[in-house]
Amino acid sequence: MKKNIQKAFSILELLVVIAVVSIIAAIGMPAISNFGVSENYQGDEAVIRSQFNYVRQLAMENGSAYRIKIVNNTTADSFEAELEVYRDESINRFNTLFHKNSSPPCSQFSGDTMTGTKIEDATKKLEHMFLTKCTSLTGICTSVTNANNFFCILPDASGPENGRAKLEAGARAGSKSDFLHIYESGFFNIGNRIQ
């Protein structure tokens, strides 16, 4: 009669396999947990850039003043904001000097609340960060009021003043912070202010 020989792993072989799998998991887990963080941050930065470029193009095309109003959603668990677009419909919509001299600039758009006409389909959403306009160009960012948390684009696509806003990303975008700088020329950048 033939004997049945059973093949099995020894305890030593099993421990070696467990050790190798543990090492691979320890190396791979940080990469998996950070997957998408950089892309989320860069995606929101791209939304900001495209929104400012789009509104500047609108201003040049029809010669009206526009606002990009920033509405941060502070009730959500994650960092979110909307970049709403408003167009001046008043008789002063083409008057660059009028909008520069109002206080704050572009605060006297048409409508009951002087905010202008909202262009619904132009609103863009930041899914991982807040954007808050600062009262000064340097130093600590002291936030403006919610009503003044906007940037103005004049009819010639320039800005009425130099400005700065703080970008604050949530954990899903690396919890980073940076600054958006707006210049009277209409140029803008994210990072360090250009002198």
N, C-alpha and C. Protein backbone atom coordinates (compact mmCIF):
# COMPACT_ATOMS: atom_id res chain seq x y z
N MET A 1 0.81 -1.17 0.00
CA MET A 1 0.00 0.00 0.00
C MET A 1 0.87 1.25 0.00
N LYS A 2 0.36 2.25 -0.75
CA LYS A 2 1.11 3.49 -0.82
C LYS A 2 0.66 4.42 0.27
N LYS A 3 1.62 5.12 0.79
CA LYS A 3 1.32 6.12 1.82
C LYS A 3 0.93 7.45 1.17
N ASN A 4 -0.07 8.12 1.73
CA ASN A 4 -0.41 9.47 1.28
C ASN A 4 0.52 10.46 1.97
N ILE A 5 1.22 11.20 1.14
CA ILE A 5 2.13 12.20 1.71
C ILE A 5 1.42 13.55 1.62
N GLN A 6 1.28 14.19 2.75
CA GLN A 6 0.64 15.51 2.78
C GLN A 6 1.72 16.59 2.75
N LYS A 7 1.47 17.57 1.86
CA LYS A 7 2.42 18.66 1.76
C LYS A 7 1.78 19.87 2.44
N ALA A 8 2.57 20.58 3.21
CA ALA A 8 2.08 21.76 3.92
C ALA A 8 3.24 22.71 4.12
N PHE A 9 2.88 23.97 4.47
CA PHE A 9 3.91 24.96 4.78
C PHE A 9 4.40 24.72 6.19
N SER A 10 5.68 24.94 6.36
CA SER A 10 6.20 24.88 7.73
C SER A 10 5.92 26.22 8.41
N ILE A 11 6.02 26.24 9.70
CA ILE A 11 5.80 27.48 10.46
C ILE A 11 6.81 28.54 10.01
N LEU A 12 8.01 28.15 9.75
CA LEU A 12 9.06 29.09 9.34
C LEU A 12 8.70 29.74 8.00
N GLU A 13 8.25 28.95 7.03
CA GLU A 13 7.86 29.49 5.73
C GLU A 13 6.68 30.47 5.86
N LEU A 14 5.72 30.11 6.69
CA LEU A 14 4.56 30.97 6.92
C LEU A 14 4.97 32.30 7.55
N LEU A 15 5.88 32.27 8.51
CA LEU A 15 6.36 33.50 9.15
C LEU A 15 7.12 34.40 8.15
N VAL A 16 7.89 33.79 7.25
CA VAL A 16 8.63 34.56 6.25
C VAL A 16 7.64 35.27 5.30
N VAL A 17 6.60 34.58 4.86
CA VAL A 17 5.60 35.17 3.98
C VAL A 17 4.88 36.33 4.69
N ILE A 18 4.50 36.13 5.94
CA ILE A 18 3.84 37.19 6.71
C ILE A 18 4.76 38.40 6.86
N ALA A 19 6.04 38.19 7.11
CA ALA A 19 7.00 39.29 7.26
C ALA A 19 7.14 40.07 5.95
N VAL A 20 7.22 39.37 4.83
CA VAL A 20 7.37 40.04 3.53
C VAL A 20 6.12 40.86 3.21
N VAL A 21 4.93 40.30 3.43
CA VAL A 21 3.69 41.03 3.18
C VAL A 21 3.60 42.25 4.09
N SER A 22 4.00 42.14 5.33
CA SER A 22 3.97 43.28 6.27
C SER A 22 4.89 44.40 5.81
N ILE A 23 6.07 44.05 5.33
CA ILE A 23 7.03 45.07 4.86
C ILE A 23 6.46 45.79 3.64
N ILE A 24 5.88 45.05 2.70
CA ILE A 24 5.30 45.66 1.50
C ILE A 24 4.14 46.57 1.88
N ALA A 25 3.31 46.15 2.81
CA ALA A 25 2.18 46.98 3.25
C ALA A 25 2.66 48.25 3.94
N ALA A 26 3.71 48.14 4.76
CA ALA A 26 4.23 49.31 5.47
C ALA A 26 4.80 50.35 4.50
N ILE A 27 5.40 49.88 3.45
CA ILE A 27 5.96 50.80 2.45
C ILE A 27 4.86 51.41 1.60
N GLY A 28 3.86 50.63 1.23
CA GLY A 28 2.83 51.08 0.31
C GLY A 28 1.73 51.91 0.91
N MET A 29 1.41 51.76 2.19
CA MET A 29 0.28 52.46 2.79
C MET A 29 0.40 53.99 2.76
N PRO A 30 1.56 54.58 3.08
CA PRO A 30 1.63 56.05 2.98
C PRO A 30 1.36 56.56 1.56
N ALA A 31 1.85 55.83 0.57
CA ALA A 31 1.60 56.25 -0.81
C ALA A 31 0.12 56.16 -1.15
N ILE A 32 -0.54 55.13 -0.67
CA ILE A 32 -1.96 54.96 -0.93
C ILE A 32 -2.77 56.04 -0.22
N SER A 33 -2.41 56.33 1.03
CA SER A 33 -3.18 57.33 1.79
C SER A 33 -3.00 58.74 1.23
N ASN A 34 -1.87 59.03 0.58
CA ASN A 34 -1.64 60.36 -0.01
C ASN A 34 -2.07 60.44 -1.46
N PHE A 35 -2.62 59.36 -1.98
CA PHE A 35 -3.03 59.35 -3.38
C PHE A 35 -4.10 60.41 -3.63
N GLY A 36 -3.87 61.28 -4.58
CA GLY A 36 -4.85 62.29 -4.95
C GLY A 36 -4.71 63.61 -4.23
N VAL A 37 -3.92 63.68 -3.16
CA VAL A 37 -3.81 64.93 -2.38
C VAL A 37 -3.25 66.05 -3.24
N SER A 38 -2.16 65.79 -3.91
CA SER A 38 -1.54 66.81 -4.76
C SER A 38 -2.46 67.18 -5.92
N GLU A 39 -3.13 66.19 -6.48
CA GLU A 39 -4.05 66.44 -7.59
C GLU A 39 -5.22 67.30 -7.15
N ASN A 40 -5.74 67.08 -5.93
CA ASN A 40 -6.85 67.89 -5.41
C ASN A 40 -6.44 69.35 -5.28
N TYR A 41 -5.25 69.59 -4.74
CA TYR A 41 -4.76 70.96 -4.56
C TYR A 41 -4.56 71.63 -5.92
N GLN A 42 -3.88 70.95 -6.81
CA GLN A 42 -3.61 71.51 -8.13
C GLN A 42 -4.89 71.72 -8.93
N GLY A 43 -5.88 70.86 -8.73
CA GLY A 43 -7.16 71.01 -9.41
C GLY A 43 -7.87 72.28 -9.00
N ASP A 44 -7.88 72.57 -7.68
CA ASP A 44 -8.52 73.81 -7.21
C ASP A 44 -7.75 75.05 -7.66
N GLU A 45 -6.41 74.96 -7.67
CA GLU A 45 -5.62 76.08 -8.20
C GLU A 45 -5.97 76.34 -9.66
N ALA A 46 -6.15 75.28 -10.43
CA ALA A 46 -6.50 75.43 -11.84
C ALA A 46 -7.88 76.08 -12.00
N VAL A 47 -8.82 75.75 -11.11
CA VAL A 47 -10.15 76.37 -11.16
C VAL A 47 -10.03 77.88 -10.92
N ILE A 48 -9.22 78.28 -9.94
CA ILE A 48 -9.03 79.70 -9.64
C ILE A 48 -8.45 80.42 -10.86
N ARG A 49 -7.40 79.85 -11.43
CA ARG A 49 -6.78 80.48 -12.61
C ARG A 49 -7.76 80.60 -13.77
N SER A 50 -8.47 79.53 -14.04
CA SER A 50 -9.39 79.57 -15.19
C SER A 50 -10.54 80.55 -14.94
N GLN A 51 -11.00 80.67 -13.69
CA GLN A 51 -12.10 81.60 -13.40
C GLN A 51 -11.65 83.04 -13.62
N PHE A 52 -10.47 83.40 -13.12
CA PHE A 52 -9.99 84.77 -13.31
C PHE A 52 -9.75 85.06 -14.80
N ASN A 53 -9.18 84.12 -15.51
CA ASN A 53 -8.96 84.33 -16.95
C ASN A 53 -10.27 84.46 -17.71
N TYR A 54 -11.25 83.64 -17.34
CA TYR A 54 -12.55 83.68 -18.00
C TYR A 54 -13.25 85.03 -17.78
N VAL A 55 -13.23 85.52 -16.54
CA VAL A 55 -13.90 86.79 -16.23
C VAL A 55 -13.16 87.96 -16.89
N ARG A 56 -11.86 87.90 -16.96
CA ARG A 56 -11.12 88.95 -17.66
C ARG A 56 -11.51 88.96 -19.14
N GLN A 57 -11.68 87.80 -19.72
CA GLN A 57 -12.10 87.70 -21.12
C GLN A 57 -13.50 88.29 -21.30
N LEU A 58 -14.42 87.98 -20.39
CA LEU A 58 -15.77 88.54 -20.46
C LEU A 58 -15.72 90.07 -20.40
N ALA A 59 -14.92 90.61 -19.48
CA ALA A 59 -14.81 92.06 -19.33
C ALA A 59 -14.31 92.71 -20.63
N MET A 60 -13.32 92.10 -21.26
CA MET A 60 -12.79 92.65 -22.50
C MET A 60 -13.79 92.54 -23.64
N GLU A 61 -14.55 91.44 -23.67
CA GLU A 61 -15.50 91.23 -24.77
C GLU A 61 -16.66 92.22 -24.75
N ASN A 62 -17.23 92.48 -23.54
CA ASN A 62 -18.40 93.37 -23.52
C ASN A 62 -18.19 94.65 -22.74
N GLY A 63 -16.98 94.92 -22.30
CA GLY A 63 -16.66 96.21 -21.70
C GLY A 63 -17.38 96.54 -20.42
N SER A 64 -17.83 95.55 -19.68
CA SER A 64 -18.49 95.78 -18.39
C SER A 64 -17.56 95.40 -17.25
N ALA A 65 -17.83 95.98 -16.09
CA ALA A 65 -17.11 95.58 -14.88
C ALA A 65 -17.73 94.30 -14.32
N TYR A 66 -16.89 93.44 -13.75
CA TYR A 66 -17.33 92.16 -13.18
C TYR A 66 -16.75 92.00 -11.78
N ARG A 67 -17.40 91.17 -11.00
CA ARG A 67 -16.91 90.75 -9.69
C ARG A 67 -16.77 89.24 -9.67
N ILE A 68 -15.74 88.77 -9.01
CA ILE A 68 -15.64 87.36 -8.65
C ILE A 68 -15.83 87.32 -7.14
N LYS A 69 -17.00 86.90 -6.71
CA LYS A 69 -17.33 86.84 -5.28
C LYS A 69 -16.99 85.46 -4.76
N ILE A 70 -16.30 85.44 -3.64
CA ILE A 70 -15.87 84.19 -3.03
C ILE A 70 -16.80 83.86 -1.88
N VAL A 71 -17.47 82.71 -1.97
CA VAL A 71 -18.39 82.28 -0.93
C VAL A 71 -17.84 80.98 -0.34
N ASN A 72 -17.21 81.09 0.83
CA ASN A 72 -16.65 79.91 1.50
C ASN A 72 -17.76 79.19 2.26
N ASN A 73 -17.80 77.88 2.11
CA ASN A 73 -18.81 77.06 2.80
C ASN A 73 -18.22 76.59 4.13
N THR A 74 -18.45 77.35 5.17
CA THR A 74 -17.88 77.03 6.48
C THR A 74 -18.70 76.01 7.25
N THR A 75 -19.86 75.62 6.72
CA THR A 75 -20.68 74.63 7.41
C THR A 75 -20.32 73.20 7.01
N ALA A 76 -19.61 73.04 5.92
CA ALA A 76 -19.26 71.70 5.44
C ALA A 76 -18.10 71.13 6.25
N ASP A 77 -18.01 69.80 6.28
CA ASP A 77 -16.90 69.13 6.97
C ASP A 77 -15.59 69.33 6.23
N SER A 78 -15.68 69.45 4.90
CA SER A 78 -14.47 69.66 4.11
C SER A 78 -14.42 71.11 3.64
N PHE A 79 -13.27 71.53 3.16
CA PHE A 79 -13.08 72.89 2.68
C PHE A 79 -13.71 73.02 1.30
N GLU A 80 -14.66 73.94 1.14
CA GLU A 80 -15.31 74.18 -0.14
C GLU A 80 -15.59 75.67 -0.29
N ALA A 81 -15.60 76.13 -1.53
CA ALA A 81 -15.93 77.53 -1.81
C ALA A 81 -16.51 77.62 -3.22
N GLU A 82 -17.29 78.67 -3.44
CA GLU A 82 -17.80 78.95 -4.78
C GLU A 82 -17.26 80.29 -5.24
N LEU A 83 -16.91 80.35 -6.51
CA LEU A 83 -16.45 81.58 -7.14
C LEU A 83 -17.58 82.06 -8.04
N GLU A 84 -18.41 82.96 -7.50
CA GLU A 84 -19.58 83.46 -8.23
C GLU A 84 -19.19 84.67 -9.06
N VAL A 85 -19.83 84.81 -10.22
CA VAL A 85 -19.52 85.91 -11.13
C VAL A 85 -20.74 86.85 -11.22
N TYR A 86 -20.47 88.15 -11.04
CA TYR A 86 -21.51 89.19 -11.14
C TYR A 86 -21.08 90.23 -12.15
N ARG A 87 -22.05 90.70 -12.95
CA ARG A 87 -21.79 91.73 -13.95
C ARG A 87 -22.54 93.01 -13.57
N ASP A 88 -21.89 94.15 -13.72
CA ASP A 88 -22.54 95.43 -13.47
C ASP A 88 -23.47 95.73 -14.63
N GLU A 89 -24.72 96.06 -14.31
CA GLU A 89 -25.71 96.39 -15.34
C GLU A 89 -26.11 97.87 -15.27
N SER A 90 -25.43 98.64 -14.44
CA SER A 90 -25.81 100.05 -14.27
C SER A 90 -25.27 100.90 -15.42
N ILE A 91 -25.63 102.17 -15.40
CA ILE A 91 -25.12 103.08 -16.44
C ILE A 91 -23.61 103.28 -16.31
N ASN A 92 -23.04 102.92 -15.15
CA ASN A 92 -21.60 103.07 -14.93
C ASN A 92 -20.80 101.80 -15.27
N ARG A 93 -21.45 100.83 -15.89
CA ARG A 93 -20.77 99.54 -16.11
C ARG A 93 -19.51 99.66 -16.97
N PHE A 94 -19.43 100.69 -17.82
CA PHE A 94 -18.27 100.87 -18.69
C PHE A 94 -17.24 101.85 -18.09
N ASN A 95 -17.59 102.45 -16.96
CA ASN A 95 -16.79 103.54 -16.39
C ASN A 95 -15.72 103.01 -15.43
N THR A 96 -14.53 102.83 -15.95
CA THR A 96 -13.43 102.29 -15.16
C THR A 96 -13.10 103.17 -13.97
N LEU A 97 -13.05 104.49 -14.19
CA LEU A 97 -12.69 105.42 -13.11
C LEU A 97 -13.74 105.39 -11.98
N PHE A 98 -15.01 105.30 -12.32
CA PHE A 98 -16.07 105.22 -11.32
C PHE A 98 -15.87 104.01 -10.41
N HIS A 99 -15.57 102.86 -10.99
CA HIS A 99 -15.40 101.64 -10.19
C HIS A 99 -14.12 101.68 -9.37
N LYS A 100 -13.07 102.31 -9.89
CA LYS A 100 -11.83 102.45 -9.12
C LYS A 100 -12.04 103.33 -7.89
N ASN A 101 -12.84 104.38 -8.03
CA ASN A 101 -13.00 105.36 -6.97
C ASN A 101 -14.07 105.00 -5.94
N SER A 102 -14.92 104.02 -6.22
CA SER A 102 -15.91 103.62 -5.21
C SER A 102 -15.18 102.93 -4.06
N SER A 103 -15.79 102.93 -2.89
CA SER A 103 -15.09 102.40 -1.72
C SER A 103 -15.93 101.31 -1.04
N PRO A 104 -15.44 100.07 -1.02
CA PRO A 104 -14.28 99.56 -1.74
C PRO A 104 -14.55 99.54 -3.24
N PRO A 105 -13.48 99.39 -4.04
CA PRO A 105 -13.66 99.40 -5.49
C PRO A 105 -14.72 98.39 -5.94
N CYS A 106 -15.51 98.79 -6.90
CA CYS A 106 -16.57 97.96 -7.49
C CYS A 106 -17.67 97.61 -6.49
N SER A 107 -17.90 98.44 -5.51
CA SER A 107 -18.94 98.17 -4.52
C SER A 107 -20.30 98.71 -4.94
N GLN A 108 -20.35 99.46 -6.03
CA GLN A 108 -21.62 100.08 -6.45
C GLN A 108 -22.07 99.55 -7.80
N PHE A 109 -22.34 98.26 -7.85
CA PHE A 109 -22.91 97.65 -9.04
C PHE A 109 -24.42 97.86 -8.99
N SER A 110 -25.09 97.56 -10.08
CA SER A 110 -26.55 97.74 -10.14
C SER A 110 -27.26 96.72 -9.27
N GLY A 111 -28.55 96.97 -9.04
CA GLY A 111 -29.38 96.03 -8.29
C GLY A 111 -29.69 96.57 -6.90
N ASP A 112 -30.65 95.92 -6.24
CA ASP A 112 -31.06 96.37 -4.91
C ASP A 112 -29.93 96.32 -3.90
N THR A 113 -29.10 95.29 -3.99
CA THR A 113 -28.01 95.15 -3.04
C THR A 113 -26.69 95.66 -3.60
N MET A 114 -26.74 96.28 -4.75
CA MET A 114 -25.55 96.82 -5.44
C MET A 114 -24.50 95.75 -5.73
N THR A 115 -24.95 94.52 -5.94
CA THR A 115 -24.01 93.44 -6.24
C THR A 115 -23.93 93.13 -7.72
N GLY A 116 -24.86 93.63 -8.51
CA GLY A 116 -24.87 93.33 -9.94
C GLY A 116 -25.74 92.13 -10.25
N THR A 117 -25.65 91.67 -11.48
CA THR A 117 -26.42 90.53 -11.94
C THR A 117 -25.56 89.28 -11.90
N LYS A 118 -26.03 88.28 -11.18
CA LYS A 118 -25.26 87.03 -11.08
C LYS A 118 -25.39 86.25 -12.37
N ILE A 119 -24.25 85.76 -12.86
CA ILE A 119 -24.22 84.91 -14.04
C ILE A 119 -24.13 83.47 -13.54
N GLU A 120 -25.30 82.84 -13.45
CA GLU A 120 -25.41 81.53 -12.80
C GLU A 120 -24.49 80.47 -13.39
N ASP A 121 -24.45 80.39 -14.70
CA ASP A 121 -23.66 79.31 -15.31
C ASP A 121 -22.15 79.56 -15.28
N ALA A 122 -21.73 80.69 -14.76
CA ALA A 122 -20.29 80.98 -14.67
C ALA A 122 -19.70 80.63 -13.31
N THR A 123 -20.54 80.26 -12.34
CA THR A 123 -20.03 79.91 -11.00
C THR A 123 -19.18 78.65 -11.07
N LYS A 124 -18.03 78.70 -10.43
CA LYS A 124 -17.13 77.55 -10.34
C LYS A 124 -16.96 77.18 -8.87
N LYS A 125 -16.67 75.91 -8.62
CA LYS A 125 -16.57 75.42 -7.25
C LYS A 125 -15.16 74.95 -6.93
N LEU A 126 -14.67 75.36 -5.76
CA LEU A 126 -13.44 74.82 -5.21
C LEU A 126 -13.86 73.70 -4.27
N GLU A 127 -13.35 72.52 -4.47
CA GLU A 127 -13.80 71.37 -3.69
C GLU A 127 -12.94 71.06 -2.48
N HIS A 128 -11.76 71.70 -2.37
CA HIS A 128 -10.85 71.33 -1.30
C HIS A 128 -10.19 72.53 -0.62
N MET A 129 -10.67 73.74 -0.88
CA MET A 129 -10.01 74.89 -0.24
C MET A 129 -10.94 76.08 -0.07
N PHE A 130 -10.56 76.94 0.87
CA PHE A 130 -11.18 78.25 1.08
C PHE A 130 -10.30 79.28 0.40
N LEU A 131 -10.90 80.41 0.06
CA LEU A 131 -10.18 81.54 -0.51
C LEU A 131 -10.71 82.79 0.17
N THR A 132 -9.84 83.51 0.88
CA THR A 132 -10.27 84.66 1.66
C THR A 132 -9.42 85.87 1.33
N LYS A 133 -10.07 86.95 0.91
CA LYS A 133 -9.37 88.19 0.58
C LYS A 133 -8.80 88.81 1.86
N CYS A 134 -7.59 89.33 1.77
CA CYS A 134 -6.89 89.94 2.90
C CYS A 134 -7.04 91.47 2.84
N THR A 135 -6.91 92.11 4.00
CA THR A 135 -7.00 93.57 4.05
C THR A 135 -5.68 94.24 3.66
N SER A 136 -4.58 93.48 3.65
CA SER A 136 -3.28 94.06 3.30
C SER A 136 -2.54 93.17 2.32
N LEU A 137 -1.51 93.72 1.70
CA LEU A 137 -0.74 92.98 0.70
C LEU A 137 0.39 92.16 1.30
N THR A 138 0.74 92.42 2.56
CA THR A 138 1.85 91.71 3.20
C THR A 138 1.46 91.34 4.63
N GLY A 139 2.29 90.54 5.25
CA GLY A 139 2.09 90.18 6.65
C GLY A 139 0.96 89.18 6.84
N ILE A 140 0.47 89.15 8.07
CA ILE A 140 -0.62 88.24 8.41
C ILE A 140 -1.87 88.64 7.64
N CYS A 141 -2.60 87.66 7.18
CA CYS A 141 -3.82 87.92 6.40
C CYS A 141 -4.99 88.15 7.35
N THR A 142 -5.41 89.39 7.45
CA THR A 142 -6.63 89.71 8.18
C THR A 142 -7.75 89.72 7.14
N SER A 143 -8.76 88.90 7.37
CA SER A 143 -9.83 88.72 6.38
C SER A 143 -10.73 89.93 6.28
N VAL A 144 -11.18 90.21 5.06
CA VAL A 144 -12.21 91.23 4.86
C VAL A 144 -13.54 90.62 5.30
N THR A 145 -14.59 91.42 5.36
CA THR A 145 -15.91 90.89 5.70
C THR A 145 -16.40 90.01 4.56
N ASN A 146 -17.37 89.14 4.85
CA ASN A 146 -17.93 88.28 3.80
C ASN A 146 -18.49 89.09 2.64
N ALA A 147 -19.11 90.23 2.94
CA ALA A 147 -19.69 91.07 1.88
C ALA A 147 -18.61 91.61 0.94
N ASN A 148 -17.40 91.83 1.45
CA ASN A 148 -16.31 92.37 0.63
C ASN A 148 -15.32 91.31 0.15
N ASN A 149 -15.68 90.04 0.31
CA ASN A 149 -14.80 88.96 -0.12
C ASN A 149 -14.97 88.72 -1.63
N PHE A 150 -14.52 89.71 -2.41
CA PHE A 150 -14.61 89.63 -3.87
C PHE A 150 -13.45 90.38 -4.50
N PHE A 151 -13.21 90.04 -5.75
CA PHE A 151 -12.24 90.77 -6.57
C PHE A 151 -12.97 91.34 -7.77
N CYS A 152 -12.51 92.50 -8.20
CA CYS A 152 -13.16 93.22 -9.29
C CYS A 152 -12.29 93.16 -10.54
N ILE A 153 -12.96 92.97 -11.65
CA ILE A 153 -12.30 93.06 -12.96
C ILE A 153 -12.96 94.22 -13.70
N LEU A 154 -12.17 95.22 -14.06
CA LEU A 154 -12.68 96.42 -14.70
C LEU A 154 -12.96 96.16 -16.19
N PRO A 155 -13.69 97.08 -16.85
CA PRO A 155 -14.05 96.86 -18.26
C PRO A 155 -12.87 96.63 -19.19
N ASP A 156 -11.69 97.14 -18.85
CA ASP A 156 -10.51 96.91 -19.69
C ASP A 156 -9.70 95.69 -19.24
N ALA A 157 -10.29 94.86 -18.36
CA ALA A 157 -9.69 93.62 -17.83
C ALA A 157 -8.57 93.88 -16.83
N SER A 158 -8.41 95.12 -16.39
CA SER A 158 -7.43 95.41 -15.35
C SER A 158 -8.13 95.30 -13.98
N GLY A 159 -7.38 95.56 -12.93
CA GLY A 159 -7.95 95.56 -11.59
C GLY A 159 -7.93 96.96 -11.02
N PRO A 160 -8.84 97.29 -10.11
CA PRO A 160 -8.86 98.63 -9.54
C PRO A 160 -7.79 98.86 -8.49
N GLU A 161 -7.23 97.79 -7.98
CA GLU A 161 -6.23 97.89 -6.91
C GLU A 161 -5.44 96.59 -6.86
N ASN A 162 -4.29 96.64 -6.19
CA ASN A 162 -3.56 95.42 -5.91
C ASN A 162 -4.26 94.71 -4.76
N GLY A 163 -4.31 93.40 -4.80
CA GLY A 163 -4.99 92.65 -3.75
C GLY A 163 -4.30 91.34 -3.46
N ARG A 164 -4.76 90.71 -2.39
CA ARG A 164 -4.18 89.42 -1.97
C ARG A 164 -5.27 88.61 -1.31
N ALA A 165 -5.23 87.30 -1.51
CA ALA A 165 -6.17 86.39 -0.85
C ALA A 165 -5.40 85.17 -0.36
N LYS A 166 -5.86 84.63 0.75
CA LYS A 166 -5.23 83.43 1.32
C LYS A 166 -5.96 82.19 0.85
N LEU A 167 -5.21 81.21 0.35
CA LEU A 167 -5.73 79.91 -0.02
C LEU A 167 -5.47 78.97 1.15
N GLU A 168 -6.51 78.31 1.65
CA GLU A 168 -6.35 77.34 2.73
C GLU A 168 -6.98 76.03 2.29
N ALA A 169 -6.14 75.01 2.13
CA ALA A 169 -6.62 73.72 1.66
C ALA A 169 -6.94 72.80 2.83
N GLY A 170 -7.94 71.96 2.64
CA GLY A 170 -8.31 70.95 3.63
C GLY A 170 -7.37 69.76 3.57
N ALA A 171 -7.60 68.79 4.44
CA ALA A 171 -6.73 67.62 4.55
C ALA A 171 -6.66 66.83 3.24
N ARG A 172 -7.75 66.77 2.49
CA ARG A 172 -7.74 66.01 1.24
C ARG A 172 -6.94 66.71 0.14
N ALA A 173 -6.45 67.92 0.43
CA ALA A 173 -5.58 68.64 -0.51
C ALA A 173 -4.27 69.02 0.18
N GLY A 174 -3.90 68.29 1.20
CA GLY A 174 -2.60 68.46 1.84
C GLY A 174 -2.53 69.49 2.93
N SER A 175 -3.64 70.10 3.33
CA SER A 175 -3.68 71.13 4.38
C SER A 175 -2.67 72.25 4.12
N LYS A 176 -2.45 72.57 2.87
CA LYS A 176 -1.50 73.62 2.49
C LYS A 176 -2.16 74.99 2.58
N SER A 177 -1.33 76.01 2.62
CA SER A 177 -1.84 77.38 2.49
C SER A 177 -0.87 78.15 1.59
N ASP A 178 -1.42 79.10 0.87
CA ASP A 178 -0.62 79.90 -0.06
C ASP A 178 -1.38 81.21 -0.28
N PHE A 179 -0.89 82.06 -1.16
CA PHE A 179 -1.54 83.34 -1.43
C PHE A 179 -1.79 83.52 -2.92
N LEU A 180 -2.94 84.10 -3.22
CA LEU A 180 -3.28 84.55 -4.55
C LEU A 180 -3.04 86.05 -4.57
N HIS A 181 -2.26 86.54 -5.53
CA HIS A 181 -1.96 87.97 -5.65
C HIS A 181 -2.60 88.51 -6.92
N ILE A 182 -3.29 89.64 -6.78
CA ILE A 182 -3.96 90.30 -7.90
C ILE A 182 -3.27 91.66 -8.08
N TYR A 183 -3.03 92.05 -9.32
CA TYR A 183 -2.34 93.30 -9.61
C TYR A 183 -3.25 94.22 -10.42
N GLU A 184 -3.00 95.52 -10.32
CA GLU A 184 -3.80 96.50 -11.05
C GLU A 184 -3.77 96.26 -12.56
N SER A 185 -2.72 95.67 -13.06
CA SER A 185 -2.61 95.40 -14.49
C SER A 185 -3.61 94.33 -14.94
N GLY A 186 -4.19 93.59 -13.98
CA GLY A 186 -5.07 92.47 -14.31
C GLY A 186 -4.36 91.14 -14.18
N PHE A 187 -3.03 91.18 -14.10
CA PHE A 187 -2.25 89.96 -13.92
C PHE A 187 -2.49 89.42 -12.51
N PHE A 188 -2.37 88.12 -12.34
CA PHE A 188 -2.49 87.49 -11.02
C PHE A 188 -1.57 86.29 -10.97
N ASN A 189 -1.18 85.89 -9.78
CA ASN A 189 -0.37 84.69 -9.60
C ASN A 189 -0.62 84.08 -8.23
N ILE A 190 -0.29 82.82 -8.11
CA ILE A 190 -0.36 82.10 -6.83
C ILE A 190 1.07 81.81 -6.39
N GLY A 191 1.37 82.15 -5.14
CA GLY A 191 2.72 81.96 -4.61
C GLY A 191 3.21 83.26 -4.01
N ASN A 192 4.47 83.60 -4.31
CA ASN A 192 5.06 84.84 -3.79
C ASN A 192 4.64 86.03 -4.64
N ARG A 193 4.48 87.18 -3.98
CA ARG A 193 4.11 88.39 -4.68
C ARG A 193 5.26 88.84 -5.57
N ILE A 194 4.94 89.22 -6.80
CA ILE A 194 5.95 89.71 -7.73
C ILE A 194 6.15 91.18 -7.50
N GLN A 195 7.39 91.58 -7.32
CA GLN A 195 7.70 92.99 -7.03
C GLN A 195 7.88 93.79 -8.29
